[in-house]
């Protein structure tokens, strides 16, 4: 079990990016959450097996059609016990 935090920069707010991330994470059985940040970035906490996390990262780098991802910063996190599901935080 691995956990990662991502900070996604570019045109990623107001373009359906959070809901894109939810669909991608749920399709891969990745737990965690996604939220908009006040500085215009999107933050993702993702937890799952290494292959699922890697596949999610590729999706996060691409984003939905209306997004323009310019950068994804990745940070190793400690796994959170009992984290299940993937949702949008406000």
PDB file of N, CA and C in Angstrom:
ATOM      1  N   UNK A   1       0.856  -1.180   0.000  1.00  0.00           N
ATOM      2  CA  UNK A   1       0.000   0.000   0.000  1.00  0.00           C
ATOM      3  C   UNK A   1       0.894   1.233   0.000  1.00  0.00           C
ATOM      4  N   UNK A   2       0.637   2.129  -0.969  1.00  0.00           N
ATOM      5  CA  UNK A   2       1.396   3.380  -1.084  1.00  0.00           C
ATOM      6  C   UNK A   2       0.437   4.560  -0.993  1.00  0.00           C
ATOM      7  N   UNK A   3       0.947   5.666  -0.520  1.00  0.00           N
ATOM      8  CA  UNK A   3       0.150   6.894  -0.473  1.00  0.00           C
ATOM      9  C   UNK A   3       0.985   8.027  -1.068  1.00  0.00           C
ATOM     10  N   UNK A   4       0.337   8.848  -1.876  1.00  0.00           N
ATOM     11  CA  UNK A   4       1.002   9.988  -2.514  1.00  0.00           C
ATOM     12  C   UNK A   4       0.088  11.208  -2.447  1.00  0.00           C
ATOM     13  N   UNK A   5       0.720  12.364  -2.365  1.00  0.00           N
ATOM     14  CA  UNK A   5      -0.006  13.632  -2.477  1.00  0.00           C
ATOM     15  C   UNK A   5       0.503  14.311  -3.724  1.00  0.00           C
ATOM     16  N   UNK A   6      -0.431  14.850  -4.499  1.00  0.00           N
ATOM     17  CA  UNK A   6      -0.102  15.540  -5.746  1.00  0.00           C
ATOM     18  C   UNK A   6      -0.642  16.959  -5.696  1.00  0.00           C
ATOM     19  N   UNK A   7       0.145  17.885  -6.197  1.00  0.00           N
ATOM     20  CA  UNK A   7      -0.289  19.265  -6.398  1.00  0.00           C
ATOM     21  C   UNK A   7      -0.233  19.523  -7.892  1.00  0.00           C
ATOM     22  N   UNK A   8      -1.392  19.777  -8.473  1.00  0.00           N
ATOM     23  CA  UNK A   8      -1.510  19.917  -9.918  1.00  0.00           C
ATOM     24  C   UNK A   8      -1.696  21.387 -10.263  1.00  0.00           C
ATOM     25  N   UNK A   9      -0.853  21.890 -11.150  1.00  0.00           N
ATOM     26  CA  UNK A   9      -0.884  23.294 -11.569  1.00  0.00           C
ATOM     27  C   UNK A   9      -1.315  23.402 -13.022  1.00  0.00           C
ATOM     28  N   UNK A  10      -1.788  24.582 -13.383  1.00  0.00           N
ATOM     29  CA  UNK A  10      -2.219  24.872 -14.745  1.00  0.00           C
ATOM     30  C   UNK A  10      -3.661  25.337 -14.730  1.00  0.00           C
ATOM     31  N   UNK A  11      -4.353  25.106 -15.821  1.00  0.00           N
ATOM     32  CA  UNK A  11      -5.791  25.418 -15.885  1.00  0.00           C
ATOM     33  C   UNK A  11      -6.510  24.158 -15.417  1.00  0.00           C
ATOM     34  N   UNK A  12      -6.735  24.092 -14.092  1.00  0.00           N
ATOM     35  CA  UNK A  12      -7.270  22.876 -13.485  1.00  0.00           C
ATOM     36  C   UNK A  12      -8.477  23.135 -12.583  1.00  0.00           C
ATOM     37  N   UNK A  13      -8.899  24.381 -12.465  1.00  0.00           N
ATOM     38  CA  UNK A  13     -10.108  24.688 -11.705  1.00  0.00           C
ATOM     39  C   UNK A  13     -11.173  25.205 -12.656  1.00  0.00           C
ATOM     40  N   UNK A  14     -12.410  24.784 -12.419  1.00  0.00           N
ATOM     41  CA  UNK A  14     -13.520  25.222 -13.258  1.00  0.00           C
ATOM     42  C   UNK A  14     -13.612  24.475 -14.580  1.00  0.00           C
ATOM     43  N   UNK A  15     -12.894  23.357 -14.680  1.00  0.00           N
ATOM     44  CA  UNK A  15     -12.876  22.601 -15.934  1.00  0.00           C
ATOM     45  C   UNK A  15     -13.256  21.126 -15.727  1.00  0.00           C
ATOM     46  N   UNK A  16     -13.763  20.783 -14.544  1.00  0.00           N
ATOM     47  CA  UNK A  16     -14.163  19.404 -14.259  1.00  0.00           C
ATOM     48  C   UNK A  16     -13.020  18.508 -13.815  1.00  0.00           C
ATOM     49  N   UNK A  17     -11.908  19.105 -13.426  1.00  0.00           N
ATOM     50  CA  UNK A  17     -10.735  18.312 -13.062  1.00  0.00           C
ATOM     51  C   UNK A  17     -10.986  17.433 -11.841  1.00  0.00           C
ATOM     52  N   UNK A  18     -11.625  17.969 -10.813  1.00  0.00           N
ATOM     53  CA  UNK A  18     -11.863  17.175  -9.599  1.00  0.00           C
ATOM     54  C   UNK A  18     -12.714  15.948  -9.899  1.00  0.00           C
ATOM     55  N   UNK A  19     -13.751  16.114 -10.690  1.00  0.00           N
ATOM     56  CA  UNK A  19     -14.634  14.990 -10.978  1.00  0.00           C
ATOM     57  C   UNK A  19     -13.954  13.987 -11.908  1.00  0.00           C
ATOM     58  N   UNK A  20     -13.077  14.467 -12.779  1.00  0.00           N
ATOM     59  CA  UNK A  20     -12.242  13.598 -13.594  1.00  0.00           C
ATOM     60  C   UNK A  20     -11.351  12.746 -12.686  1.00  0.00           C
ATOM     61  N   UNK A  21     -10.741  13.375 -11.684  1.00  0.00           N
ATOM     62  CA  UNK A  21      -9.866  12.655 -10.751  1.00  0.00           C
ATOM     63  C   UNK A  21     -10.648  11.604  -9.965  1.00  0.00           C
ATOM     64  N   UNK A  22     -11.858  11.946  -9.541  1.00  0.00           N
ATOM     65  CA  UNK A  22     -12.693  10.988  -8.805  1.00  0.00           C
ATOM     66  C   UNK A  22     -12.979   9.767  -9.671  1.00  0.00           C
ATOM     67  N   UNK A  23     -13.417   9.981 -10.888  1.00  0.00           N
ATOM     68  CA  UNK A  23     -13.736   8.855 -11.785  1.00  0.00           C
ATOM     69  C   UNK A  23     -12.508   7.977 -12.039  1.00  0.00           C
ATOM     70  N   UNK A  24     -11.366   8.605 -12.259  1.00  0.00           N
ATOM     71  CA  UNK A  24     -10.146   7.858 -12.524  1.00  0.00           C
ATOM     72  C   UNK A  24      -9.724   7.043 -11.306  1.00  0.00           C
ATOM     73  N   UNK A  25      -9.771   7.654 -10.132  1.00  0.00           N
ATOM     74  CA  UNK A  25      -9.379   6.951  -8.905  1.00  0.00           C
ATOM     75  C   UNK A  25     -10.340   5.812  -8.594  1.00  0.00           C
ATOM     76  N   UNK A  26     -11.618   6.040  -8.728  1.00  0.00           N
ATOM     77  CA  UNK A  26     -12.599   4.990  -8.449  1.00  0.00           C
ATOM     78  C   UNK A  26     -12.446   3.817  -9.410  1.00  0.00           C
ATOM     79  N   UNK A  27     -12.137   4.084 -10.662  1.00  0.00           N
ATOM     80  CA  UNK A  27     -11.952   3.018 -11.641  1.00  0.00           C
ATOM     81  C   UNK A  27     -10.750   2.138 -11.295  1.00  0.00           C
ATOM     82  N   UNK A  28      -9.817   2.670 -10.517  1.00  0.00           N
ATOM     83  CA  UNK A  28      -8.602   1.939 -10.157  1.00  0.00           C
ATOM     84  C   UNK A  28      -8.601   1.477  -8.696  1.00  0.00           C
ATOM     85  N   UNK A  29      -9.722   1.657  -8.002  1.00  0.00           N
ATOM     86  CA  UNK A  29      -9.850   1.286  -6.591  1.00  0.00           C
ATOM     87  C   UNK A  29      -8.804   1.991  -5.727  1.00  0.00           C
ATOM     88  N   UNK A  30      -8.560   3.262  -6.038  1.00  0.00           N
ATOM     89  CA  UNK A  30      -7.644   4.092  -5.256  1.00  0.00           C
ATOM     90  C   UNK A  30      -8.466   4.879  -4.249  1.00  0.00           C
ATOM     91  N   UNK A  31      -8.033   4.902  -2.998  1.00  0.00           N
ATOM     92  CA  UNK A  31      -8.709   5.689  -1.974  1.00  0.00           C
ATOM     93  C   UNK A  31      -8.114   7.073  -1.890  1.00  0.00           C
ATOM     94  N   UNK A  32      -8.867   7.998  -1.301  1.00  0.00           N
ATOM     95  CA  UNK A  32      -8.330   9.334  -1.092  1.00  0.00           C
ATOM     96  C   UNK A  32      -9.333  10.423  -1.374  1.00  0.00           C
ATOM     97  N   UNK A  33      -8.813  11.576  -1.776  1.00  0.00           N
ATOM     98  CA  UNK A  33      -9.668  12.735  -2.018  1.00  0.00           C
ATOM     99  C   UNK A  33      -8.971  13.724  -2.951  1.00  0.00           C
ATOM    100  N   UNK A  34      -9.765  14.675  -3.453  1.00  0.00           N
ATOM    101  CA  UNK A  34      -9.274  15.747  -4.315  1.00  0.00           C
ATOM    102  C   UNK A  34      -9.952  17.040  -3.879  1.00  0.00           C
ATOM    103  N   UNK A  35      -9.219  18.157  -3.954  1.00  0.00           N
ATOM    104  CA  UNK A  35      -9.813  19.458  -3.613  1.00  0.00           C
ATOM    105  C   UNK A  35      -9.099  20.583  -4.347  1.00  0.00           C
ATOM    106  N   UNK A  36      -9.846  21.669  -4.550  1.00  0.00           N
ATOM    107  CA  UNK A  36      -9.266  22.895  -5.093  1.00  0.00           C
ATOM    108  C   UNK A  36      -8.520  23.614  -3.986  1.00  0.00           C
ATOM    109  N   UNK A  37      -7.436  24.275  -4.342  1.00  0.00           N
ATOM    110  CA  UNK A  37      -6.689  25.109  -3.406  1.00  0.00           C
ATOM    111  C   UNK A  37      -6.918  26.572  -3.755  1.00  0.00           C
ATOM    112  N   UNK A  38      -6.815  27.452  -2.765  1.00  0.00           N
ATOM    113  CA  UNK A  38      -7.053  28.878  -3.023  1.00  0.00           C
ATOM    114  C   UNK A  38      -6.103  29.499  -4.044  1.00  0.00           C
ATOM    115  N   UNK A  39      -4.929  28.900  -4.249  1.00  0.00           N
ATOM    116  CA  UNK A  39      -3.949  29.466  -5.191  1.00  0.00           C
ATOM    117  C   UNK A  39      -4.155  29.011  -6.633  1.00  0.00           C
ATOM    118  N   UNK A  40      -5.254  28.261  -6.908  1.00  0.00           N
ATOM    119  CA  UNK A  40      -5.557  27.843  -8.262  1.00  0.00           C
ATOM    120  C   UNK A  40      -5.121  26.434  -8.602  1.00  0.00           C
ATOM    121  N   UNK A  41      -4.368  25.804  -7.713  1.00  0.00           N
ATOM    122  CA  UNK A  41      -3.960  24.418  -7.942  1.00  0.00           C
ATOM    123  C   UNK A  41      -5.034  23.465  -7.432  1.00  0.00           C
ATOM    124  N   UNK A  42      -4.862  22.189  -7.767  1.00  0.00           N
ATOM    125  CA  UNK A  42      -5.702  21.118  -7.255  1.00  0.00           C
ATOM    126  C   UNK A  42      -4.794  20.187  -6.464  1.00  0.00           C
ATOM    127  N   UNK A  43      -5.268  19.735  -5.302  1.00  0.00           N
ATOM    128  CA  UNK A  43      -4.519  18.806  -4.458  1.00  0.00           C
ATOM    129  C   UNK A  43      -5.222  17.454  -4.454  1.00  0.00           C
ATOM    130  N   UNK A  44      -4.432  16.389  -4.557  1.00  0.00           N
ATOM    131  CA  UNK A  44      -4.952  15.020  -4.543  1.00  0.00           C
ATOM    132  C   UNK A  44      -4.174  14.214  -3.514  1.00  0.00           C
ATOM    133  N   UNK A  45      -4.880  13.473  -2.677  1.00  0.00           N
ATOM    134  CA  UNK A  45      -4.276  12.458  -1.831  1.00  0.00           C
ATOM    135  C   UNK A  45      -4.769  11.125  -2.357  1.00  0.00           C
ATOM    136  N   UNK A  46      -3.846  10.238  -2.734  1.00  0.00           N
ATOM    137  CA  UNK A  46      -4.208   8.961  -3.335  1.00  0.00           C
ATOM    138  C   UNK A  46      -3.495   7.834  -2.596  1.00  0.00           C
ATOM    139  N   UNK A  47      -4.235   6.763  -2.341  1.00  0.00           N
ATOM    140  CA  UNK A  47      -3.674   5.621  -1.638  1.00  0.00           C
ATOM    141  C   UNK A  47      -4.159   4.332  -2.296  1.00  0.00           C
ATOM    142  N   UNK A  48      -3.218   3.449  -2.581  1.00  0.00           N
ATOM    143  CA  UNK A  48      -3.561   2.180  -3.207  1.00  0.00           C
ATOM    144  C   UNK A  48      -2.300   1.417  -3.560  1.00  0.00           C
ATOM    145  N   UNK A  49      -2.452   0.390  -4.397  1.00  0.00           N
ATOM    146  CA  UNK A  49      -1.258  -0.355  -4.795  1.00  0.00           C
ATOM    147  C   UNK A  49      -0.472   0.462  -5.826  1.00  0.00           C
ATOM    148  N   UNK A  50       0.790   0.107  -5.966  1.00  0.00           N
ATOM    149  CA  UNK A  50       1.710   0.901  -6.785  1.00  0.00           C
ATOM    150  C   UNK A  50       1.237   1.052  -8.228  1.00  0.00           C
ATOM    151  N   UNK A  51       0.733  -0.017  -8.830  1.00  0.00           N
ATOM    152  CA  UNK A  51       0.279   0.046 -10.228  1.00  0.00           C
ATOM    153  C   UNK A  51      -0.915   0.978 -10.374  1.00  0.00           C
ATOM    154  N   UNK A  52      -1.843   0.926  -9.443  1.00  0.00           N
ATOM    155  CA  UNK A  52      -3.023   1.792  -9.494  1.00  0.00           C
ATOM    156  C   UNK A  52      -2.630   3.259  -9.311  1.00  0.00           C
ATOM    157  N   UNK A  53      -1.711   3.525  -8.410  1.00  0.00           N
ATOM    158  CA  UNK A  53      -1.242   4.895  -8.180  1.00  0.00           C
ATOM    159  C   UNK A  53      -0.534   5.421  -9.428  1.00  0.00           C
ATOM    160  N   UNK A  54       0.275   4.583 -10.054  1.00  0.00           N
ATOM    161  CA  UNK A  54       0.983   5.002 -11.275  1.00  0.00           C
ATOM    162  C   UNK A  54       0.004   5.318 -12.400  1.00  0.00           C
ATOM    163  N   UNK A  55      -1.030   4.502 -12.549  1.00  0.00           N
ATOM    164  CA  UNK A  55      -2.034   4.749 -13.590  1.00  0.00           C
ATOM    165  C   UNK A  55      -2.805   6.031 -13.309  1.00  0.00           C
ATOM    166  N   UNK A  56      -3.142   6.261 -12.042  1.00  0.00           N
ATOM    167  CA  UNK A  56      -3.834   7.497 -11.670  1.00  0.00           C
ATOM    168  C   UNK A  56      -2.952   8.704 -11.975  1.00  0.00           C
ATOM    169  N   UNK A  57      -1.679   8.624 -11.654  1.00  0.00           N
ATOM    170  CA  UNK A  57      -0.769   9.741 -11.921  1.00  0.00           C
ATOM    171  C   UNK A  57      -0.753  10.097 -13.409  1.00  0.00           C
ATOM    172  N   UNK A  58      -0.737   9.115 -14.277  1.00  0.00           N
ATOM    173  CA  UNK A  58      -0.777   9.398 -15.714  1.00  0.00           C
ATOM    174  C   UNK A  58      -2.049  10.151 -16.089  1.00  0.00           C
ATOM    175  N   UNK A  59      -3.171   9.757 -15.505  1.00  0.00           N
ATOM    176  CA  UNK A  59      -4.424  10.473 -15.759  1.00  0.00           C
ATOM    177  C   UNK A  59      -4.366  11.894 -15.221  1.00  0.00           C
ATOM    178  N   UNK A  60      -3.805  12.065 -14.026  1.00  0.00           N
ATOM    179  CA  UNK A  60      -3.715  13.407 -13.440  1.00  0.00           C
ATOM    180  C   UNK A  60      -2.846  14.318 -14.299  1.00  0.00           C
ATOM    181  N   UNK A  61      -1.812  13.785 -14.883  1.00  0.00           N
ATOM    182  CA  UNK A  61      -0.949  14.578 -15.773  1.00  0.00           C
ATOM    183  C   UNK A  61      -1.675  15.006 -17.039  1.00  0.00           C
ATOM    184  N   UNK A  62      -2.590  14.170 -17.499  1.00  0.00           N
ATOM    185  CA  UNK A  62      -3.357  14.471 -18.715  1.00  0.00           C
ATOM    186  C   UNK A  62      -4.542  15.381 -18.408  1.00  0.00           C
ATOM    187  N   UNK A  63      -5.332  15.030 -17.392  1.00  0.00           N
ATOM    188  CA  UNK A  63      -6.519  15.797 -17.026  1.00  0.00           C
ATOM    189  C   UNK A  63      -7.631  15.641 -18.053  1.00  0.00           C
ATOM    190  N   UNK A  64      -8.772  16.250 -17.771  1.00  0.00           N
ATOM    191  CA  UNK A  64      -9.874  16.224 -18.741  1.00  0.00           C
ATOM    192  C   UNK A  64      -9.539  17.101 -19.944  1.00  0.00           C
ATOM    193  N   UNK A  65     -10.303  16.963 -21.014  1.00  0.00           N
ATOM    194  CA  UNK A  65     -10.024  17.711 -22.252  1.00  0.00           C
ATOM    195  C   UNK A  65      -9.956  19.214 -22.047  1.00  0.00           C
ATOM    196  N   UNK A  66     -10.776  19.744 -21.160  1.00  0.00           N
ATOM    197  CA  UNK A  66     -10.836  21.202 -20.972  1.00  0.00           C
ATOM    198  C   UNK A  66      -9.729  21.735 -20.063  1.00  0.00           C
ATOM    199  N   UNK A  67      -8.932  20.865 -19.464  1.00  0.00           N
ATOM    200  CA  UNK A  67      -7.841  21.289 -18.585  1.00  0.00           C
ATOM    201  C   UNK A  67      -6.548  21.442 -19.376  1.00  0.00           C
ATOM    202  N   UNK A  68      -5.618  22.182 -18.796  1.00  0.00           N
ATOM    203  CA  UNK A  68      -4.261  22.301 -19.338  1.00  0.00           C
ATOM    204  C   UNK A  68      -3.299  22.159 -18.165  1.00  0.00           C
ATOM    205  N   UNK A  69      -2.861  20.933 -17.917  1.00  0.00           N
ATOM    206  CA  UNK A  69      -1.962  20.658 -16.796  1.00  0.00           C
ATOM    207  C   UNK A  69      -0.554  21.086 -17.181  1.00  0.00           C
ATOM    208  N   UNK A  70       0.040  21.942 -16.352  1.00  0.00           N
ATOM    209  CA  UNK A  70       1.395  22.401 -16.633  1.00  0.00           C
ATOM    210  C   UNK A  70       2.431  21.738 -15.728  1.00  0.00           C
ATOM    211  N   UNK A  71       1.973  21.238 -14.569  1.00  0.00           N
ATOM    212  CA  UNK A  71       2.933  20.655 -13.624  1.00  0.00           C
ATOM    213  C   UNK A  71       2.202  19.786 -12.619  1.00  0.00           C
ATOM    214  N   UNK A  72       2.837  18.672 -12.241  1.00  0.00           N
ATOM    215  CA  UNK A  72       2.333  17.822 -11.163  1.00  0.00           C
ATOM    216  C   UNK A  72       3.488  17.564 -10.210  1.00  0.00           C
ATOM    217  N   UNK A  73       3.382  18.083  -8.993  1.00  0.00           N
ATOM    218  CA  UNK A  73       4.376  17.828  -7.951  1.00  0.00           C
ATOM    219  C   UNK A  73       3.900  16.643  -7.131  1.00  0.00           C
ATOM    220  N   UNK A  74       4.813  15.734  -6.827  1.00  0.00           N
ATOM    221  CA  UNK A  74       4.473  14.480  -6.150  1.00  0.00           C
ATOM    222  C   UNK A  74       5.218  14.378  -4.824  1.00  0.00           C
ATOM    223  N   UNK A  75       4.504  13.948  -3.782  1.00  0.00           N
ATOM    224  CA  UNK A  75       5.076  13.800  -2.454  1.00  0.00           C
ATOM    225  C   UNK A  75       4.678  12.452  -1.871  1.00  0.00           C
ATOM    226  N   UNK A  76       5.635  11.764  -1.289  1.00  0.00           N
ATOM    227  CA  UNK A  76       5.356  10.502  -0.594  1.00  0.00           C
ATOM    228  C   UNK A  76       4.646  10.820   0.723  1.00  0.00           C
ATOM    229  N   UNK A  77       3.630  10.057   1.032  1.00  0.00           N
ATOM    230  CA  UNK A  77       2.877  10.225   2.276  1.00  0.00           C
ATOM    231  C   UNK A  77       2.813   8.891   3.006  1.00  0.00           C
ATOM    232  N   UNK A  78       2.507   8.948   4.277  1.00  0.00           N
ATOM    233  CA  UNK A  78       2.256   7.730   5.031  1.00  0.00           C
ATOM    234  C   UNK A  78       0.854   7.242   4.716  1.00  0.00           C
ATOM    235  N   UNK A  79       0.675   5.933   4.514  1.00  0.00           N
ATOM    236  CA  UNK A  79      -0.679   5.425   4.295  1.00  0.00           C
ATOM    237  C   UNK A  79      -1.585   5.737   5.485  1.00  0.00           C
ATOM    238  N   UNK A  80      -2.833   6.026   5.187  1.00  0.00           N
ATOM    239  CA  UNK A  80      -3.835   6.353   6.196  1.00  0.00           C
ATOM    240  C   UNK A  80      -4.691   5.114   6.416  1.00  0.00           C
ATOM    241  N   UNK A  81      -4.665   4.597   7.615  1.00  0.00           N
ATOM    242  CA  UNK A  81      -5.443   3.402   7.909  1.00  0.00           C
ATOM    243  C   UNK A  81      -6.938   3.708   7.813  1.00  0.00           C
ATOM    244  N   UNK A  82      -7.660   2.813   7.184  1.00  0.00           N
ATOM    245  CA  UNK A  82      -9.109   2.961   7.079  1.00  0.00           C
ATOM    246  C   UNK A  82      -9.588   3.891   5.983  1.00  0.00           C
ATOM    247  N   UNK A  83      -8.670   4.419   5.172  1.00  0.00           N
ATOM    248  CA  UNK A  83      -9.077   5.305   4.080  1.00  0.00           C
ATOM    249  C   UNK A  83      -9.688   4.471   2.959  1.00  0.00           C
ATOM    250  N   UNK A  84     -10.948   4.727   2.659  1.00  0.00           N
ATOM    251  CA  UNK A  84     -11.596   3.995   1.574  1.00  0.00           C
ATOM    252  C   UNK A  84     -12.439   4.983   0.773  1.00  0.00           C
ATOM    253  N   UNK A  85     -12.677   4.637  -0.471  1.00  0.00           N
ATOM    254  CA  UNK A  85     -13.427   5.530  -1.338  1.00  0.00           C
ATOM    255  C   UNK A  85     -12.583   6.703  -1.768  1.00  0.00           C
ATOM    256  N   UNK A  86     -13.087   7.452  -2.711  1.00  0.00           N
ATOM    257  CA  UNK A  86     -12.387   8.629  -3.221  1.00  0.00           C
ATOM    258  C   UNK A  86     -13.442   9.692  -3.471  1.00  0.00           C
ATOM    259  N   UNK A  87     -13.260  10.874  -2.882  1.00  0.00           N
ATOM    260  CA  UNK A  87     -14.290  11.893  -3.018  1.00  0.00           C
ATOM    261  C   UNK A  87     -13.697  13.286  -3.156  1.00  0.00           C
ATOM    262  N   UNK A  88     -14.589  14.238  -3.380  1.00  0.00           N
ATOM    263  CA  UNK A  88     -14.234  15.644  -3.489  1.00  0.00           C
ATOM    264  C   UNK A  88     -14.361  16.273  -2.114  1.00  0.00           C
ATOM    265  N   UNK A  89     -13.329  17.003  -1.714  1.00  0.00           N
ATOM    266  CA  UNK A  89     -13.387  17.771  -0.470  1.00  0.00           C
ATOM    267  C   UNK A  89     -13.541  19.239  -0.815  1.00  0.00           C
ATOM    268  N   UNK A  90     -14.288  19.930   0.008  1.00  0.00           N
ATOM    269  CA  UNK A  90     -14.531  21.363  -0.200  1.00  0.00           C
ATOM    270  C   UNK A  90     -13.919  22.186   0.895  1.00  0.00           C
TER     271      UNK A  90
END
